[in-house]
PDB file of N, CA and C in Angstrom:
ATOM      1  N   UNK A   1      10.005 -14.057  14.494  1.00  0.00           N
ATOM      2  CA  UNK A   1       9.946 -13.011  14.361  1.00  0.00           C
ATOM      3  C   UNK A   1       9.922 -12.497  13.205  1.00  0.00           C
ATOM      4  N   UNK A   2       9.552 -11.339  12.870  1.00  0.00           N
ATOM      5  CA  UNK A   2       8.765 -10.705  11.407  1.00  0.00           C
ATOM      6  C   UNK A   2       8.765  -9.457  11.247  1.00  0.00           C
ATOM      7  N   UNK A   3       9.165  -8.549   9.998  1.00  0.00           N
ATOM      8  CA  UNK A   3       9.198  -7.142   9.986  1.00  0.00           C
ATOM      9  C   UNK A   3       7.899  -7.019   9.303  1.00  0.00           C
ATOM     10  N   UNK A   4       7.232  -6.103   9.751  1.00  0.00           N
ATOM     11  CA  UNK A   4       5.657  -5.735   9.197  1.00  0.00           C
ATOM     12  C   UNK A   4       5.509  -4.526   8.612  1.00  0.00           C
ATOM     13  N   UNK A   5       4.277  -3.715   8.490  1.00  0.00           N
ATOM     14  CA  UNK A   5       4.035  -2.717   8.595  1.00  0.00           C
ATOM     15  C   UNK A   5       2.833  -1.998   8.767  1.00  0.00           C
ATOM     16  N   UNK A   6       2.794  -0.508   9.122  1.00  0.00           N
ATOM     17  CA  UNK A   6       1.825  -0.376   9.843  1.00  0.00           C
ATOM     18  C   UNK A   6       0.917   1.086   9.098  1.00  0.00           C
ATOM     19  N   UNK A   7       1.258   0.700   8.216  1.00  0.00           N
ATOM     20  CA  UNK A   7       0.518   1.606   7.289  1.00  0.00           C
ATOM     21  C   UNK A   7       0.855   1.482   5.589  1.00  0.00           C
ATOM     22  N   UNK A   8      -0.438   1.055   4.810  1.00  0.00           N
ATOM     23  CA  UNK A   8      -0.197   0.621   3.442  1.00  0.00           C
ATOM     24  C   UNK A   8       0.891   0.898   2.518  1.00  0.00           C
ATOM     25  N   UNK A   9       1.265   2.226   2.569  1.00  0.00           N
ATOM     26  CA  UNK A   9       2.022   3.074   1.803  1.00  0.00           C
ATOM     27  C   UNK A   9       3.851   2.639   1.951  1.00  0.00           C
ATOM     28  N   UNK A  10       3.977   1.530   3.179  1.00  0.00           N
ATOM     29  CA  UNK A  10       5.199   1.318   3.826  1.00  0.00           C
ATOM     30  C   UNK A  10       5.413  -0.471   2.815  1.00  0.00           C
ATOM     31  N   UNK A  11       4.266  -0.959   2.412  1.00  0.00           N
ATOM     32  CA  UNK A  11       4.627  -1.750   2.064  1.00  0.00           C
ATOM     33  C   UNK A  11       5.614  -2.166   0.414  1.00  0.00           C
ATOM     34  N   UNK A  12       5.640  -0.679  -0.135  1.00  0.00           N
ATOM     35  CA  UNK A  12       6.357  -0.714  -1.314  1.00  0.00           C
ATOM     36  C   UNK A  12       7.963  -0.896  -0.624  1.00  0.00           C
ATOM     37  N   UNK A  13       8.385  -0.150   0.962  1.00  0.00           N
ATOM     38  CA  UNK A  13       9.592  -0.343   0.785  1.00  0.00           C
ATOM     39  C   UNK A  13      10.091  -1.458   1.897  1.00  0.00           C
ATOM     40  N   UNK A  14       9.686  -2.888   2.316  1.00  0.00           N
ATOM     41  CA  UNK A  14       9.085  -4.132   2.944  1.00  0.00           C
ATOM     42  C   UNK A  14      11.027  -4.477   2.177  1.00  0.00           C
ATOM     43  N   UNK A  15      11.316  -4.838   0.859  1.00  0.00           N
ATOM     44  CA  UNK A  15      12.283  -5.517   0.499  1.00  0.00           C
ATOM     45  C   UNK A  15      13.803  -4.554   1.410  1.00  0.00           C
ATOM     46  N   UNK A  16      13.592  -3.524   0.777  1.00  0.00           N
ATOM     47  CA  UNK A  16      14.184  -2.374   1.726  1.00  0.00           C
ATOM     48  C   UNK A  16      14.670  -2.768   2.799  1.00  0.00           C
ATOM     49  N   UNK A  17      13.524  -2.727   3.758  1.00  0.00           N
ATOM     50  CA  UNK A  17      13.847  -2.925   5.298  1.00  0.00           C
ATOM     51  C   UNK A  17      14.321  -4.514   5.196  1.00  0.00           C
ATOM     52  N   UNK A  18      14.238  -5.611   5.013  1.00  0.00           N
ATOM     53  CA  UNK A  18      14.389  -6.840   4.828  1.00  0.00           C
ATOM     54  C   UNK A  18      16.137  -6.440   4.270  1.00  0.00           C
ATOM     55  N   UNK A  19      16.535  -5.792   3.484  1.00  0.00           N
ATOM     56  CA  UNK A  19      17.878  -5.599   2.947  1.00  0.00           C
ATOM     57  C   UNK A  19      19.093  -5.233   4.301  1.00  0.00           C
ATOM     58  N   UNK A  20      18.304  -3.867   4.692  1.00  0.00           N
ATOM     59  CA  UNK A  20      18.741  -2.979   5.715  1.00  0.00           C
ATOM     60  C   UNK A  20      19.051  -3.990   6.977  1.00  0.00           C
ATOM     61  N   UNK A  21      18.377  -5.040   7.211  1.00  0.00           N
ATOM     62  CA  UNK A  21      18.323  -6.018   8.655  1.00  0.00           C
ATOM     63  C   UNK A  21      19.495  -6.893   7.881  1.00  0.00           C
ATOM     64  N   UNK A  22      19.394  -7.213   6.762  1.00  0.00           N
ATOM     65  CA  UNK A  22      20.752  -8.511   6.451  1.00  0.00           C
ATOM     66  C   UNK A  22      22.101  -8.047   6.845  1.00  0.00           C
ATOM     67  N   UNK A  23      21.991  -6.632   6.193  1.00  0.00           N
ATOM     68  CA  UNK A  23      23.028  -5.970   6.152  1.00  0.00           C
ATOM     69  C   UNK A  23      23.545  -5.551   7.462  1.00  0.00           C
ATOM     70  N   UNK A  24      22.911  -5.637   8.395  1.00  0.00           N
ATOM     71  CA  UNK A  24      23.224  -4.701   9.662  1.00  0.00           C
ATOM     72  C   UNK A  24      23.276  -6.096  10.865  1.00  0.00           C
ATOM     73  N   UNK A  25      22.829  -7.168  10.171  1.00  0.00           N
ATOM     74  CA  UNK A  25      23.083  -8.259  10.990  1.00  0.00           C
ATOM     75  C   UNK A  25      24.343  -8.836  11.381  1.00  0.00           C
ATOM     76  N   UNK A  26      25.407  -7.991  10.465  1.00  0.00           N
ATOM     77  CA  UNK A  26      26.491  -8.576  10.822  1.00  0.00           C
ATOM     78  C   UNK A  26      26.893 -10.012  10.563  1.00  0.00           C
ATOM     79  N   UNK A  27      26.463 -10.902   9.465  1.00  0.00           N
ATOM     80  CA  UNK A  27      26.682 -11.799   9.208  1.00  0.00           C
ATOM     81  C   UNK A  27      25.735 -13.246   9.858  1.00  0.00           C
ATOM     82  N   UNK A  28      24.692 -12.790  10.917  1.00  0.00           N
ATOM     83  CA  UNK A  28      24.390 -13.315  11.737  1.00  0.00           C
ATOM     84  C   UNK A  28      22.690 -14.005  10.899  1.00  0.00           C
ATOM     85  N   UNK A  29      22.489 -13.244  10.045  1.00  0.00           N
ATOM     86  CA  UNK A  29      21.259 -13.519   8.896  1.00  0.00           C
ATOM     87  C   UNK A  29      21.489 -13.966   7.900  1.00  0.00           C
ATOM     88  N   UNK A  30      21.068 -15.213   7.406  1.00  0.00           N
ATOM     89  CA  UNK A  30      21.578 -15.432   5.795  1.00  0.00           C
ATOM     90  C   UNK A  30      20.274 -14.515   4.761  1.00  0.00           C
ATOM     91  N   UNK A  31      20.640 -14.236   3.766  1.00  0.00           N
ATOM     92  CA  UNK A  31      19.608 -13.282   2.705  1.00  0.00           C
ATOM     93  C   UNK A  31      18.224 -14.496   2.441  1.00  0.00           C
ATOM     94  N   UNK A  32      18.158 -14.914   3.066  1.00  0.00           N
ATOM     95  CA  UNK A  32      16.702 -16.262   2.793  1.00  0.00           C
ATOM     96  C   UNK A  32      16.201 -16.401   4.406  1.00  0.00           C
ATOM     97  N   UNK A  33      17.145 -16.152   5.375  1.00  0.00           N
ATOM     98  CA  UNK A  33      16.400 -15.456   6.845  1.00  0.00           C
ATOM     99  C   UNK A  33      16.245 -14.106   6.908  1.00  0.00           C
ATOM    100  N   UNK A  34      16.451 -13.461   6.563  1.00  0.00           N
ATOM    101  CA  UNK A  34      16.087 -11.924   6.070  1.00  0.00           C
ATOM    102  C   UNK A  34      14.952 -11.771   5.482  1.00  0.00           C
ATOM    103  N   UNK A  35      14.903 -12.666   4.242  1.00  0.00           N
ATOM    104  CA  UNK A  35      13.668 -12.510   3.197  1.00  0.00           C
ATOM    105  C   UNK A  35      12.651 -12.996   4.157  1.00  0.00           C
ATOM    106  N   UNK A  36      12.627 -14.592   4.970  1.00  0.00           N
ATOM    107  CA  UNK A  36      11.522 -14.918   5.528  1.00  0.00           C
ATOM    108  C   UNK A  36      11.043 -13.749   6.713  1.00  0.00           C
ATOM    109  N   UNK A  37      11.769 -12.587   7.241  1.00  0.00           N
ATOM    110  CA  UNK A  37      11.012 -12.096   8.010  1.00  0.00           C
ATOM    111  C   UNK A  37      10.235 -10.985   7.601  1.00  0.00           C
ATOM    112  N   UNK A  38       9.913 -11.146   5.917  1.00  0.00           N
ATOM    113  CA  UNK A  38       9.077 -10.393   5.774  1.00  0.00           C
ATOM    114  C   UNK A  38       8.000 -11.131   4.451  1.00  0.00           C
ATOM    115  N   UNK A  39       8.087 -12.387   4.943  1.00  0.00           N
ATOM    116  CA  UNK A  39       7.690 -13.363   4.098  1.00  0.00           C
ATOM    117  C   UNK A  39       6.734 -14.822   4.689  1.00  0.00           C
ATOM    118  N   UNK A  40       7.601 -15.458   5.074  1.00  0.00           N
ATOM    119  CA  UNK A  40       7.207 -16.814   5.449  1.00  0.00           C
ATOM    120  C   UNK A  40       7.006 -17.189   7.083  1.00  0.00           C
ATOM    121  N   UNK A  41       7.922 -16.009   7.728  1.00  0.00           N
ATOM    122  CA  UNK A  41       7.567 -16.024   9.332  1.00  0.00           C
ATOM    123  C   UNK A  41       6.264 -15.216   9.582  1.00  0.00           C
ATOM    124  N   UNK A  42       6.143 -13.733   8.691  1.00  0.00           N
ATOM    125  CA  UNK A  42       4.700 -13.207   8.854  1.00  0.00           C
ATOM    126  C   UNK A  42       3.671 -14.543   8.779  1.00  0.00           C
ATOM    127  N   UNK A  43       3.772 -15.311   7.937  1.00  0.00           N
ATOM    128  CA  UNK A  43       2.336 -16.139   7.650  1.00  0.00           C
ATOM    129  C   UNK A  43       2.679 -17.271   9.335  1.00  0.00           C
ATOM    130  N   UNK A  44       3.715 -17.231   9.071  1.00  0.00           N
ATOM    131  CA  UNK A  44       3.654 -18.269  10.559  1.00  0.00           C
ATOM    132  C   UNK A  44       2.972 -17.908  11.738  1.00  0.00           C
ATOM    133  N   UNK A  45       3.436 -16.223  12.217  1.00  0.00           N
ATOM    134  CA  UNK A  45       3.305 -15.782  13.056  1.00  0.00           C
ATOM    135  C   UNK A  45       1.605 -15.653  13.007  1.00  0.00           C
ATOM    136  N   UNK A  46       0.925 -15.050  11.802  1.00  0.00           N
ATOM    137  CA  UNK A  46      -0.299 -14.584  12.034  1.00  0.00           C
ATOM    138  C   UNK A  46      -1.069 -15.841  11.605  1.00  0.00           C
ATOM    139  N   UNK A  47      -0.773 -17.324  11.388  1.00  0.00           N
ATOM    140  CA  UNK A  47      -1.126 -18.427  11.412  1.00  0.00           C
ATOM    141  C   UNK A  47      -2.180 -18.498  10.347  1.00  0.00           C
ATOM    142  N   UNK A  48      -1.624 -17.827   8.754  1.00  0.00           N
ATOM    143  CA  UNK A  48      -2.034 -18.372   7.766  1.00  0.00           C
ATOM    144  C   UNK A  48      -1.407 -19.548   6.811  1.00  0.00           C
ATOM    145  N   UNK A  49      -2.122 -20.088   6.453  1.00  0.00           N
ATOM    146  CA  UNK A  49      -1.948 -21.529   5.754  1.00  0.00           C
ATOM    147  C   UNK A  49      -1.672 -20.668   4.345  1.00  0.00           C
ATOM    148  N   UNK A  50      -0.463 -21.276   4.176  1.00  0.00           N
ATOM    149  CA  UNK A  50      -0.141 -21.376   2.453  1.00  0.00           C
ATOM    150  C   UNK A  50      -1.233 -22.071   1.796  1.00  0.00           C
ATOM    151  N   UNK A  51      -1.414 -21.894   0.298  1.00  0.00           N
ATOM    152  CA  UNK A  51      -1.910 -22.629  -0.814  1.00  0.00           C
ATOM    153  C   UNK A  51      -2.334 -21.922  -1.788  1.00  0.00           C
ATOM    154  N   UNK A  52      -3.406 -22.790  -2.989  1.00  0.00           N
ATOM    155  CA  UNK A  52      -3.027 -21.782  -4.276  1.00  0.00           C
ATOM    156  C   UNK A  52      -3.718 -20.412  -4.446  1.00  0.00           C
ATOM    157  N   UNK A  53      -4.314 -20.243  -3.332  1.00  0.00           N
ATOM    158  CA  UNK A  53      -4.473 -18.752  -3.689  1.00  0.00           C
ATOM    159  C   UNK A  53      -4.022 -17.646  -2.777  1.00  0.00           C
ATOM    160  N   UNK A  54      -2.483 -18.134  -2.702  1.00  0.00           N
ATOM    161  CA  UNK A  54      -1.851 -16.900  -2.162  1.00  0.00           C
ATOM    162  C   UNK A  54      -1.112 -16.393  -2.991  1.00  0.00           C
ATOM    163  N   UNK A  55      -0.653 -14.905  -2.411  1.00  0.00           N
ATOM    164  CA  UNK A  55      -0.274 -14.261  -3.797  1.00  0.00           C
ATOM    165  C   UNK A  55       1.017 -14.072  -3.849  1.00  0.00           C
ATOM    166  N   UNK A  56       2.176 -14.143  -4.612  1.00  0.00           N
ATOM    167  CA  UNK A  56       3.102 -14.040  -4.905  1.00  0.00           C
ATOM    168  C   UNK A  56       3.717 -12.847  -5.912  1.00  0.00           C
ATOM    169  N   UNK A  57       5.211 -12.596  -5.780  1.00  0.00           N
ATOM    170  CA  UNK A  57       6.282 -11.567  -6.565  1.00  0.00           C
ATOM    171  C   UNK A  57       7.161 -12.317  -6.646  1.00  0.00           C
ATOM    172  N   UNK A  58       7.564 -11.962  -8.008  1.00  0.00           N
ATOM    173  CA  UNK A  58       9.103 -12.920  -8.486  1.00  0.00           C
ATOM    174  C   UNK A  58       9.447 -11.450  -9.048  1.00  0.00           C
ATOM    175  N   UNK A  59      10.590 -11.634  -8.984  1.00  0.00           N
ATOM    176  CA  UNK A  59      11.958 -10.847  -9.013  1.00  0.00           C
ATOM    177  C   UNK A  59      13.002 -11.203  -9.918  1.00  0.00           C
ATOM    178  N   UNK A  60      13.045 -10.134 -10.307  1.00  0.00           N
ATOM    179  CA  UNK A  60      14.821 -10.679 -11.195  1.00  0.00           C
ATOM    180  C   UNK A  60      15.728  -9.745 -11.187  1.00  0.00           C
ATOM    181  N   UNK A  61      16.722 -10.747 -10.618  1.00  0.00           N
ATOM    182  CA  UNK A  61      18.086 -10.038  -9.752  1.00  0.00           C
ATOM    183  C   UNK A  61      17.917 -10.238  -8.621  1.00  0.00           C
ATOM    184  N   UNK A  62      19.295  -9.258  -7.564  1.00  0.00           N
ATOM    185  CA  UNK A  62      18.751  -9.881  -6.434  1.00  0.00           C
ATOM    186  C   UNK A  62      18.045  -8.846  -5.621  1.00  0.00           C
ATOM    187  N   UNK A  63      17.297  -9.712  -5.115  1.00  0.00           N
ATOM    188  CA  UNK A  63      15.846  -9.186  -3.903  1.00  0.00           C
ATOM    189  C   UNK A  63      16.372  -7.693  -3.399  1.00  0.00           C
ATOM    190  N   UNK A  64      17.853  -7.823  -2.592  1.00  0.00           N
ATOM    191  CA  UNK A  64      18.276  -7.048  -1.820  1.00  0.00           C
ATOM    192  C   UNK A  64      18.997  -5.761  -2.525  1.00  0.00           C
ATOM    193  N   UNK A  65      19.112  -5.921  -3.998  1.00  0.00           N
ATOM    194  CA  UNK A  65      19.842  -4.667  -3.823  1.00  0.00           C
ATOM    195  C   UNK A  65      19.204  -3.517  -4.628  1.00  0.00           C
ATOM    196  N   UNK A  66      19.260  -2.559  -5.018  1.00  0.00           N
ATOM    197  CA  UNK A  66      18.512  -1.369  -6.093  1.00  0.00           C
ATOM    198  C   UNK A  66      18.229  -1.735  -7.269  1.00  0.00           C
ATOM    199  N   UNK A  67      18.941  -2.805  -8.083  1.00  0.00           N
ATOM    200  CA  UNK A  67      18.757  -3.149  -9.520  1.00  0.00           C
ATOM    201  C   UNK A  67      17.580  -4.403  -9.373  1.00  0.00           C
ATOM    202  N   UNK A  68      17.434  -5.095  -8.460  1.00  0.00           N
ATOM    203  CA  UNK A  68      16.136  -5.892  -8.255  1.00  0.00           C
ATOM    204  C   UNK A  68      15.238  -5.566  -9.157  1.00  0.00           C
ATOM    205  N   UNK A  69      14.439  -5.703 -10.039  1.00  0.00           N
ATOM    206  CA  UNK A  69      13.431  -5.537 -10.583  1.00  0.00           C
ATOM    207  C   UNK A  69      11.945  -6.385 -10.647  1.00  0.00           C
ATOM    208  N   UNK A  70      10.702  -6.432  -9.923  1.00  0.00           N
ATOM    209  CA  UNK A  70       9.624  -6.972 -10.128  1.00  0.00           C
ATOM    210  C   UNK A  70       9.087  -7.227 -11.426  1.00  0.00           C
ATOM    211  N   UNK A  71       8.644  -8.667 -11.571  1.00  0.00           N
ATOM    212  CA  UNK A  71       8.505  -9.289 -12.945  1.00  0.00           C
ATOM    213  C   UNK A  71       7.383  -9.487 -13.182  1.00  0.00           C
ATOM    214  N   UNK A  72       7.109  -9.958 -12.024  1.00  0.00           N
ATOM    215  CA  UNK A  72       5.850 -10.835 -12.357  1.00  0.00           C
ATOM    216  C   UNK A  72       4.647 -10.943 -10.777  1.00  0.00           C
ATOM    217  N   UNK A  73       3.109 -10.508 -10.754  1.00  0.00           N
ATOM    218  CA  UNK A  73       2.421 -10.575  -9.334  1.00  0.00           C
ATOM    219  C   UNK A  73       1.429 -11.365  -9.708  1.00  0.00           C
ATOM    220  N   UNK A  74       0.711 -11.929  -8.695  1.00  0.00           N
ATOM    221  CA  UNK A  74      -0.378 -12.840  -8.546  1.00  0.00           C
ATOM    222  C   UNK A  74      -1.356 -12.395  -7.116  1.00  0.00           C
ATOM    223  N   UNK A  75      -2.056 -11.367  -7.414  1.00  0.00           N
ATOM    224  CA  UNK A  75      -2.487 -10.753  -6.119  1.00  0.00           C
ATOM    225  C   UNK A  75      -3.122 -12.361  -5.447  1.00  0.00           C
ATOM    226  N   UNK A  76      -3.385 -12.101  -3.915  1.00  0.00           N
ATOM    227  CA  UNK A  76      -4.226 -13.050  -2.846  1.00  0.00           C
ATOM    228  C   UNK A  76      -5.646 -13.294  -3.898  1.00  0.00           C
ATOM    229  N   UNK A  77      -5.817 -14.661  -3.917  1.00  0.00           N
ATOM    230  CA  UNK A  77      -7.419 -15.007  -4.422  1.00  0.00           C
ATOM    231  C   UNK A  77      -7.099 -14.968  -5.834  1.00  0.00           C
ATOM    232  N   UNK A  78      -6.317 -14.580  -7.015  1.00  0.00           N
ATOM    233  CA  UNK A  78      -6.710 -14.095  -8.142  1.00  0.00           C
ATOM    234  C   UNK A  78      -6.034 -15.579  -8.920  1.00  0.00           C
ATOM    235  N   UNK A  79      -6.160 -15.716 -10.185  1.00  0.00           N
ATOM    236  CA  UNK A  79      -5.819 -16.522 -10.504  1.00  0.00           C
ATOM    237  C   UNK A  79      -4.981 -16.054 -11.921  1.00  0.00           C
ATOM    238  N   UNK A  80      -5.447 -14.425 -12.333  1.00  0.00           N
ATOM    239  CA  UNK A  80      -4.006 -13.823 -13.381  1.00  0.00           C
ATOM    240  C   UNK A  80      -3.080 -13.427 -12.549  1.00  0.00           C
ATOM    241  N   UNK A  81      -2.223 -13.668 -13.723  1.00  0.00           N
ATOM    242  CA  UNK A  81      -0.757 -13.457 -13.029  1.00  0.00           C
ATOM    243  C   UNK A  81      -0.139 -11.985 -14.011  1.00  0.00           C
ATOM    244  N   UNK A  82       0.223 -10.759 -13.411  1.00  0.00           N
ATOM    245  CA  UNK A  82       0.282  -9.637 -14.304  1.00  0.00           C
ATOM    246  C   UNK A  82       2.009  -9.623 -14.343  1.00  0.00           C
ATOM    247  N   UNK A  83       2.771  -9.414 -15.738  1.00  0.00           N
ATOM    248  CA  UNK A  83       3.861  -9.683 -15.744  1.00  0.00           C
ATOM    249  C   UNK A  83       4.116  -7.845 -16.476  1.00  0.00           C
ATOM    250  N   UNK A  84       5.382  -7.509 -15.706  1.00  0.00           N
ATOM    251  CA  UNK A  84       6.022  -6.411 -16.128  1.00  0.00           C
ATOM    252  C   UNK A  84       7.467  -6.732 -16.724  1.00  0.00           C
TER     253      UNK A  84
END
């Protein structure tokens, strides 16, 4: 199972969607499982093979809290890492 988006602008809210899913699961999902709904599970559903060219986002703080902040991003296929 995975949570996805239907329009590009919705991508910025994906972590909030994962957080709401975690909160509303009443303990049936761990935080790690809720994160997988917007990351690893989607890779599996879409048949994407992970590797060195995969993009990623590094967070400071709790991914599920409003205080969590993006600190670094590497875009898919890029060797450059943007720091914030």
